[in-house]
């Protein structure tokens, strides 16, 4: 699936995310339950700020020893690079449920490019009730 330009991001979704989990939100630990569809795959769960997501990701890879430290340093360098600042926008899920082909699976900290979101809804998918 080709990546769309940042102009193709749904402005309503962008506004919801900016207000609840964006860099300027009032609560740095804010969350929102969200369900998105990306290339026919449903992704549903709690969305958090990039900072909260990065903390979770760092905890997940800390068992990887030296590699884990390098990832954290690379992420910090990317955040400090003004050329990369506005290139890509992401939704940061913590432990989302992903449904592809009818089988729900749970993932760890997952990052989704906003430009690839075809549909979205506020709320978590209730897959047990289907």
N, C-alpha and C. Protein backbone atom coordinates (compact mmCIF):
# COMPACT_ATOMS: atom_id res chain seq x y z
N UNK A 1 0.85 -1.18 0.00
CA UNK A 1 0.00 0.00 0.00
C UNK A 1 0.89 1.24 0.00
N UNK A 2 0.73 2.12 -0.98
CA UNK A 2 1.56 3.33 -1.02
C UNK A 2 1.19 4.28 0.11
N UNK A 3 2.21 4.91 0.67
CA UNK A 3 1.98 5.89 1.74
C UNK A 3 1.47 7.17 1.12
N UNK A 4 0.41 7.73 1.71
CA UNK A 4 -0.17 8.97 1.22
C UNK A 4 0.64 10.15 1.76
N UNK A 5 0.39 11.33 1.20
CA UNK A 5 1.06 12.52 1.72
C UNK A 5 0.40 12.92 3.04
N UNK A 6 1.10 13.74 3.83
CA UNK A 6 0.54 14.17 5.11
C UNK A 6 -0.71 15.02 4.92
N UNK A 7 -0.93 15.55 3.72
CA UNK A 7 -2.15 16.31 3.45
C UNK A 7 -3.38 15.40 3.43
N UNK A 8 -3.18 14.09 3.27
CA UNK A 8 -4.29 13.15 3.21
C UNK A 8 -4.74 12.64 4.57
N UNK A 9 -4.10 13.09 5.65
CA UNK A 9 -4.50 12.67 7.00
C UNK A 9 -5.83 13.31 7.33
N UNK A 10 -6.74 12.51 7.88
CA UNK A 10 -8.06 13.01 8.27
C UNK A 10 -7.89 14.11 9.32
N UNK A 11 -8.33 15.34 9.03
CA UNK A 11 -8.12 16.44 9.98
C UNK A 11 -8.87 16.23 11.30
N UNK A 12 -10.00 15.53 11.26
CA UNK A 12 -10.73 15.27 12.52
C UNK A 12 -9.95 14.31 13.41
N UNK A 13 -9.42 13.25 12.81
CA UNK A 13 -8.61 12.31 13.59
C UNK A 13 -7.38 13.02 14.14
N UNK A 14 -6.75 13.82 13.34
CA UNK A 14 -5.58 14.57 13.78
C UNK A 14 -5.94 15.48 14.96
N UNK A 15 -7.09 16.15 14.89
CA UNK A 15 -7.52 17.05 15.97
C UNK A 15 -7.80 16.27 17.26
N UNK A 16 -8.45 15.12 17.14
CA UNK A 16 -8.75 14.29 18.32
C UNK A 16 -7.44 13.85 18.98
N UNK A 17 -6.51 13.37 18.18
CA UNK A 17 -5.24 12.90 18.74
C UNK A 17 -4.42 14.03 19.33
N UNK A 18 -4.40 15.18 18.66
CA UNK A 18 -3.63 16.33 19.16
C UNK A 18 -4.15 16.77 20.52
N UNK A 19 -5.46 16.78 20.68
CA UNK A 19 -6.06 17.25 21.94
C UNK A 19 -5.86 16.27 23.09
N UNK A 20 -5.81 14.98 22.79
CA UNK A 20 -5.75 13.99 23.87
C UNK A 20 -4.36 13.43 24.13
N UNK A 21 -3.56 13.21 23.09
CA UNK A 21 -2.25 12.59 23.29
C UNK A 21 -1.13 13.32 22.56
N UNK A 22 -1.43 14.47 21.98
CA UNK A 22 -0.43 15.23 21.24
C UNK A 22 0.55 15.93 22.16
N UNK A 23 1.62 16.48 21.60
CA UNK A 23 2.65 17.14 22.41
C UNK A 23 2.11 18.31 23.23
N UNK A 24 1.07 18.97 22.76
CA UNK A 24 0.52 20.11 23.48
C UNK A 24 -0.68 19.79 24.36
N UNK A 25 -0.99 18.50 24.55
CA UNK A 25 -2.16 18.15 25.35
C UNK A 25 -1.92 18.50 26.82
N UNK A 26 -3.00 18.75 27.54
CA UNK A 26 -2.90 19.15 28.94
C UNK A 26 -2.41 18.02 29.84
N UNK A 27 -2.72 16.77 29.48
CA UNK A 27 -2.32 15.62 30.29
C UNK A 27 -1.28 14.80 29.52
N UNK A 28 -0.01 14.85 29.92
CA UNK A 28 1.02 14.11 29.18
C UNK A 28 0.83 12.60 29.24
N UNK A 29 0.04 12.12 30.19
CA UNK A 29 -0.23 10.69 30.29
C UNK A 29 -1.64 10.35 29.82
N UNK A 30 -2.25 11.24 29.03
CA UNK A 30 -3.60 11.01 28.53
C UNK A 30 -3.67 9.81 27.61
N UNK A 31 -4.84 9.19 27.55
CA UNK A 31 -5.07 8.07 26.64
C UNK A 31 -6.43 8.22 25.98
N UNK A 32 -6.60 7.54 24.88
CA UNK A 32 -7.90 7.47 24.22
C UNK A 32 -8.02 6.08 23.62
N UNK A 33 -9.20 5.50 23.72
CA UNK A 33 -9.46 4.20 23.10
C UNK A 33 -9.82 4.47 21.64
N UNK A 34 -9.17 3.76 20.73
CA UNK A 34 -9.34 4.03 19.31
C UNK A 34 -9.27 2.73 18.52
N UNK A 35 -10.06 2.69 17.44
CA UNK A 35 -10.01 1.58 16.50
C UNK A 35 -9.76 2.16 15.12
N UNK A 36 -8.76 1.62 14.41
CA UNK A 36 -8.45 2.08 13.07
C UNK A 36 -8.39 0.89 12.12
N UNK A 37 -8.56 1.18 10.84
CA UNK A 37 -8.39 0.16 9.80
C UNK A 37 -7.26 0.62 8.90
N UNK A 38 -6.27 -0.26 8.75
CA UNK A 38 -5.10 0.01 7.92
C UNK A 38 -4.94 -1.16 6.96
N UNK A 39 -5.10 -0.90 5.68
CA UNK A 39 -4.93 -1.93 4.65
C UNK A 39 -5.76 -3.18 4.96
N UNK A 40 -7.00 -2.98 5.41
CA UNK A 40 -7.91 -4.09 5.69
C UNK A 40 -7.72 -4.75 7.04
N UNK A 41 -6.75 -4.30 7.82
CA UNK A 41 -6.49 -4.86 9.14
C UNK A 41 -7.05 -3.93 10.20
N UNK A 42 -7.76 -4.49 11.18
CA UNK A 42 -8.32 -3.70 12.28
C UNK A 42 -7.30 -3.67 13.41
N UNK A 43 -7.05 -2.46 13.94
CA UNK A 43 -6.15 -2.28 15.07
C UNK A 43 -6.93 -1.49 16.11
N UNK A 44 -7.02 -2.03 17.33
CA UNK A 44 -7.87 -1.42 18.35
C UNK A 44 -7.19 -1.48 19.71
N UNK A 45 -7.24 -0.35 20.44
CA UNK A 45 -6.67 -0.34 21.77
C UNK A 45 -6.49 1.05 22.32
N UNK A 46 -5.65 1.15 23.34
CA UNK A 46 -5.37 2.42 24.00
C UNK A 46 -4.26 3.16 23.27
N UNK A 47 -4.53 4.41 22.94
CA UNK A 47 -3.55 5.27 22.27
C UNK A 47 -2.98 6.22 23.31
N UNK A 48 -1.65 6.39 23.28
CA UNK A 48 -0.96 7.25 24.23
C UNK A 48 -0.04 8.21 23.47
N UNK A 49 0.58 9.11 24.20
CA UNK A 49 1.53 10.04 23.60
C UNK A 49 2.78 9.29 23.14
N UNK A 50 3.53 9.93 22.26
CA UNK A 50 4.78 9.31 21.80
C UNK A 50 5.73 9.07 22.97
N UNK A 51 5.75 9.99 23.94
CA UNK A 51 6.63 9.85 25.09
C UNK A 51 6.26 8.62 25.92
N UNK A 52 4.96 8.45 26.20
CA UNK A 52 4.51 7.28 26.97
C UNK A 52 4.79 5.99 26.20
N UNK A 53 4.56 6.02 24.89
CA UNK A 53 4.82 4.85 24.05
C UNK A 53 6.31 4.51 24.06
N UNK A 54 7.16 5.53 23.97
CA UNK A 54 8.61 5.32 23.97
C UNK A 54 9.07 4.70 25.28
N UNK A 55 8.49 5.15 26.40
CA UNK A 55 8.84 4.55 27.70
C UNK A 55 8.49 3.07 27.71
N UNK A 56 7.31 2.72 27.19
CA UNK A 56 6.89 1.32 27.16
C UNK A 56 7.79 0.51 26.23
N UNK A 57 8.10 1.07 25.07
CA UNK A 57 8.96 0.37 24.12
C UNK A 57 10.34 0.14 24.73
N UNK A 58 10.87 1.14 25.41
CA UNK A 58 12.19 1.00 26.03
C UNK A 58 12.17 -0.11 27.07
N UNK A 59 11.10 -0.20 27.85
CA UNK A 59 10.98 -1.27 28.84
C UNK A 59 10.92 -2.64 28.16
N UNK A 60 10.25 -2.72 27.02
CA UNK A 60 10.12 -3.99 26.31
C UNK A 60 11.45 -4.46 25.75
N UNK A 61 12.30 -3.53 25.32
CA UNK A 61 13.56 -3.94 24.69
C UNK A 61 14.74 -3.89 25.65
N UNK A 62 14.51 -3.48 26.90
CA UNK A 62 15.63 -3.38 27.84
C UNK A 62 16.28 -4.74 28.08
N UNK A 63 15.54 -5.81 27.92
CA UNK A 63 16.09 -7.15 28.08
C UNK A 63 17.05 -7.49 26.94
N UNK A 64 17.07 -6.67 25.91
CA UNK A 64 17.94 -6.92 24.76
C UNK A 64 19.36 -6.42 24.98
N UNK A 65 19.67 -5.94 26.16
CA UNK A 65 21.02 -5.51 26.49
C UNK A 65 21.46 -4.27 25.75
N UNK A 66 22.63 -4.32 25.14
CA UNK A 66 23.21 -3.16 24.46
C UNK A 66 22.34 -2.66 23.32
N UNK A 67 21.68 -3.56 22.61
CA UNK A 67 20.82 -3.15 21.50
C UNK A 67 19.74 -2.20 21.99
N UNK A 68 19.15 -2.48 23.12
CA UNK A 68 18.10 -1.64 23.67
C UNK A 68 18.55 -0.22 23.91
N UNK A 69 19.76 -0.05 24.43
CA UNK A 69 20.29 1.30 24.67
C UNK A 69 20.47 2.05 23.36
N UNK A 70 20.92 1.37 22.33
CA UNK A 70 21.12 2.01 21.02
C UNK A 70 19.82 2.49 20.42
N UNK A 71 18.75 1.73 20.59
CA UNK A 71 17.45 2.13 20.06
C UNK A 71 16.99 3.41 20.73
N UNK A 72 17.14 3.50 22.04
CA UNK A 72 16.72 4.70 22.76
C UNK A 72 17.51 5.92 22.28
N UNK A 73 18.82 5.75 22.07
CA UNK A 73 19.64 6.86 21.59
C UNK A 73 19.23 7.27 20.18
N UNK A 74 18.96 6.30 19.31
CA UNK A 74 18.52 6.61 17.95
C UNK A 74 17.21 7.38 17.95
N UNK A 75 16.28 6.99 18.82
CA UNK A 75 14.98 7.67 18.91
C UNK A 75 15.17 9.11 19.36
N UNK A 76 16.06 9.34 20.33
CA UNK A 76 16.33 10.70 20.81
C UNK A 76 16.94 11.54 19.70
N UNK A 77 17.86 10.97 18.93
CA UNK A 77 18.47 11.70 17.82
C UNK A 77 17.41 12.08 16.79
N UNK A 78 16.50 11.17 16.50
CA UNK A 78 15.45 11.45 15.52
C UNK A 78 14.55 12.58 16.00
N UNK A 79 14.22 12.59 17.31
CA UNK A 79 13.37 13.66 17.85
C UNK A 79 14.07 15.01 17.76
N UNK A 80 15.40 15.02 17.86
CA UNK A 80 16.15 16.27 17.85
C UNK A 80 16.53 16.73 16.44
N UNK A 81 16.18 15.97 15.43
CA UNK A 81 16.52 16.31 14.05
C UNK A 81 15.37 17.12 13.44
N UNK A 82 15.57 18.44 13.20
CA UNK A 82 14.48 19.27 12.69
C UNK A 82 13.96 18.82 11.32
N UNK A 83 14.80 18.16 10.52
CA UNK A 83 14.34 17.69 9.20
C UNK A 83 13.34 16.54 9.33
N UNK A 84 13.39 15.80 10.45
CA UNK A 84 12.49 14.66 10.62
C UNK A 84 11.26 15.01 11.45
N UNK A 85 11.25 16.21 12.01
CA UNK A 85 10.21 16.60 12.96
C UNK A 85 8.79 16.43 12.43
N UNK A 86 8.53 16.88 11.20
CA UNK A 86 7.17 16.85 10.67
C UNK A 86 7.01 15.87 9.51
N UNK A 87 7.97 14.98 9.29
CA UNK A 87 7.89 14.09 8.15
C UNK A 87 6.80 13.03 8.28
N UNK A 88 6.66 12.44 9.44
CA UNK A 88 5.71 11.36 9.62
C UNK A 88 4.94 11.58 10.91
N UNK A 89 3.69 11.18 10.90
CA UNK A 89 2.85 11.28 12.09
C UNK A 89 2.34 9.88 12.40
N UNK A 90 2.32 9.55 13.69
CA UNK A 90 1.97 8.20 14.10
C UNK A 90 0.90 8.17 15.18
N UNK A 91 0.18 7.05 15.22
CA UNK A 91 -0.69 6.71 16.35
C UNK A 91 0.11 5.72 17.18
N UNK A 92 0.18 5.93 18.48
CA UNK A 92 0.98 5.08 19.37
C UNK A 92 0.04 4.24 20.24
N UNK A 93 -0.09 2.97 19.90
CA UNK A 93 -0.94 2.04 20.65
C UNK A 93 -0.11 1.30 21.69
N UNK A 94 -0.72 1.05 22.86
CA UNK A 94 -0.14 0.15 23.85
C UNK A 94 -0.98 -1.12 23.85
N UNK A 95 -0.35 -2.25 23.57
CA UNK A 95 -0.98 -3.57 23.57
C UNK A 95 -2.31 -3.60 22.81
N UNK A 96 -2.30 -3.20 21.55
CA UNK A 96 -3.56 -3.25 20.79
C UNK A 96 -3.93 -4.67 20.39
N UNK A 97 -5.21 -4.83 20.08
CA UNK A 97 -5.69 -6.07 19.47
C UNK A 97 -5.71 -5.81 17.97
N UNK A 98 -5.14 -6.73 17.21
CA UNK A 98 -5.09 -6.63 15.76
C UNK A 98 -5.90 -7.78 15.20
N UNK A 99 -6.83 -7.45 14.29
CA UNK A 99 -7.66 -8.49 13.66
C UNK A 99 -7.37 -8.48 12.17
N UNK A 100 -6.85 -9.59 11.70
CA UNK A 100 -6.57 -9.76 10.28
C UNK A 100 -6.95 -11.19 9.92
N UNK A 101 -7.87 -11.33 9.00
CA UNK A 101 -8.33 -12.66 8.65
C UNK A 101 -9.23 -13.28 9.70
N UNK A 102 -9.80 -12.47 10.58
CA UNK A 102 -10.74 -12.95 11.58
C UNK A 102 -10.13 -13.42 12.88
N UNK A 103 -8.82 -13.43 12.99
CA UNK A 103 -8.16 -13.91 14.20
C UNK A 103 -7.58 -12.75 15.00
N UNK A 104 -8.12 -12.46 16.21
CA UNK A 104 -7.56 -11.38 17.01
C UNK A 104 -6.25 -11.80 17.68
N UNK A 105 -5.25 -10.93 17.60
CA UNK A 105 -4.00 -11.16 18.31
C UNK A 105 -3.61 -9.87 19.03
N UNK A 106 -2.93 -10.02 20.16
CA UNK A 106 -2.49 -8.86 20.92
C UNK A 106 -1.01 -8.60 20.63
N UNK A 107 -0.70 -7.33 20.38
CA UNK A 107 0.69 -6.93 20.13
C UNK A 107 1.21 -6.09 21.29
N UNK A 108 2.50 -5.86 21.31
CA UNK A 108 3.11 -4.95 22.27
C UNK A 108 2.95 -3.52 21.75
N UNK A 109 3.74 -2.60 22.27
CA UNK A 109 3.68 -1.21 21.83
C UNK A 109 3.79 -1.16 20.30
N UNK A 110 2.78 -0.58 19.65
CA UNK A 110 2.68 -0.60 18.19
C UNK A 110 2.47 0.81 17.67
N UNK A 111 3.16 1.12 16.60
CA UNK A 111 3.11 2.46 16.01
C UNK A 111 2.49 2.36 14.63
N UNK A 112 1.49 3.21 14.35
CA UNK A 112 0.76 3.17 13.08
C UNK A 112 0.89 4.54 12.41
N UNK A 113 1.26 4.53 11.14
CA UNK A 113 1.39 5.76 10.37
C UNK A 113 0.00 6.32 10.07
N UNK A 114 -0.26 7.53 10.50
CA UNK A 114 -1.58 8.16 10.29
C UNK A 114 -1.96 8.24 8.82
N UNK A 115 -0.97 8.34 7.95
CA UNK A 115 -1.26 8.48 6.53
C UNK A 115 -1.87 7.21 5.93
N UNK A 116 -1.76 6.09 6.64
CA UNK A 116 -2.29 4.83 6.13
C UNK A 116 -3.64 4.46 6.73
N UNK A 117 -4.20 5.30 7.59
CA UNK A 117 -5.49 4.99 8.22
C UNK A 117 -6.62 5.25 7.24
N UNK A 118 -7.37 4.20 6.92
CA UNK A 118 -8.48 4.31 5.97
C UNK A 118 -9.79 4.64 6.67
N UNK A 119 -9.95 4.18 7.92
CA UNK A 119 -11.18 4.43 8.69
C UNK A 119 -10.81 4.40 10.16
N UNK A 120 -11.61 5.08 10.98
CA UNK A 120 -11.33 5.10 12.42
C UNK A 120 -12.61 5.34 13.20
N UNK A 121 -12.57 4.94 14.46
CA UNK A 121 -13.70 5.13 15.37
C UNK A 121 -13.16 5.26 16.79
N UNK A 122 -13.75 6.16 17.55
CA UNK A 122 -13.38 6.26 18.96
C UNK A 122 -13.98 5.07 19.68
N UNK A 123 -13.19 4.44 20.50
CA UNK A 123 -13.63 3.27 21.25
C UNK A 123 -12.82 2.04 20.88
N UNK A 124 -12.86 1.07 21.76
CA UNK A 124 -12.12 -0.17 21.58
C UNK A 124 -13.04 -1.22 20.97
N UNK A 125 -12.51 -1.99 20.05
CA UNK A 125 -13.25 -3.07 19.42
C UNK A 125 -13.66 -4.10 20.47
N UNK A 126 -14.93 -4.46 20.48
CA UNK A 126 -15.43 -5.48 21.40
C UNK A 126 -15.48 -6.81 20.65
N UNK A 127 -14.31 -7.39 20.40
CA UNK A 127 -14.23 -8.57 19.56
C UNK A 127 -14.82 -9.81 20.20
N UNK A 128 -14.97 -9.84 21.51
CA UNK A 128 -15.56 -11.00 22.19
C UNK A 128 -17.06 -11.10 21.97
N UNK A 129 -17.69 -10.02 21.53
CA UNK A 129 -19.14 -9.99 21.35
C UNK A 129 -19.55 -10.25 19.92
N UNK A 130 -18.61 -10.53 19.01
CA UNK A 130 -18.95 -10.71 17.61
C UNK A 130 -19.58 -12.07 17.38
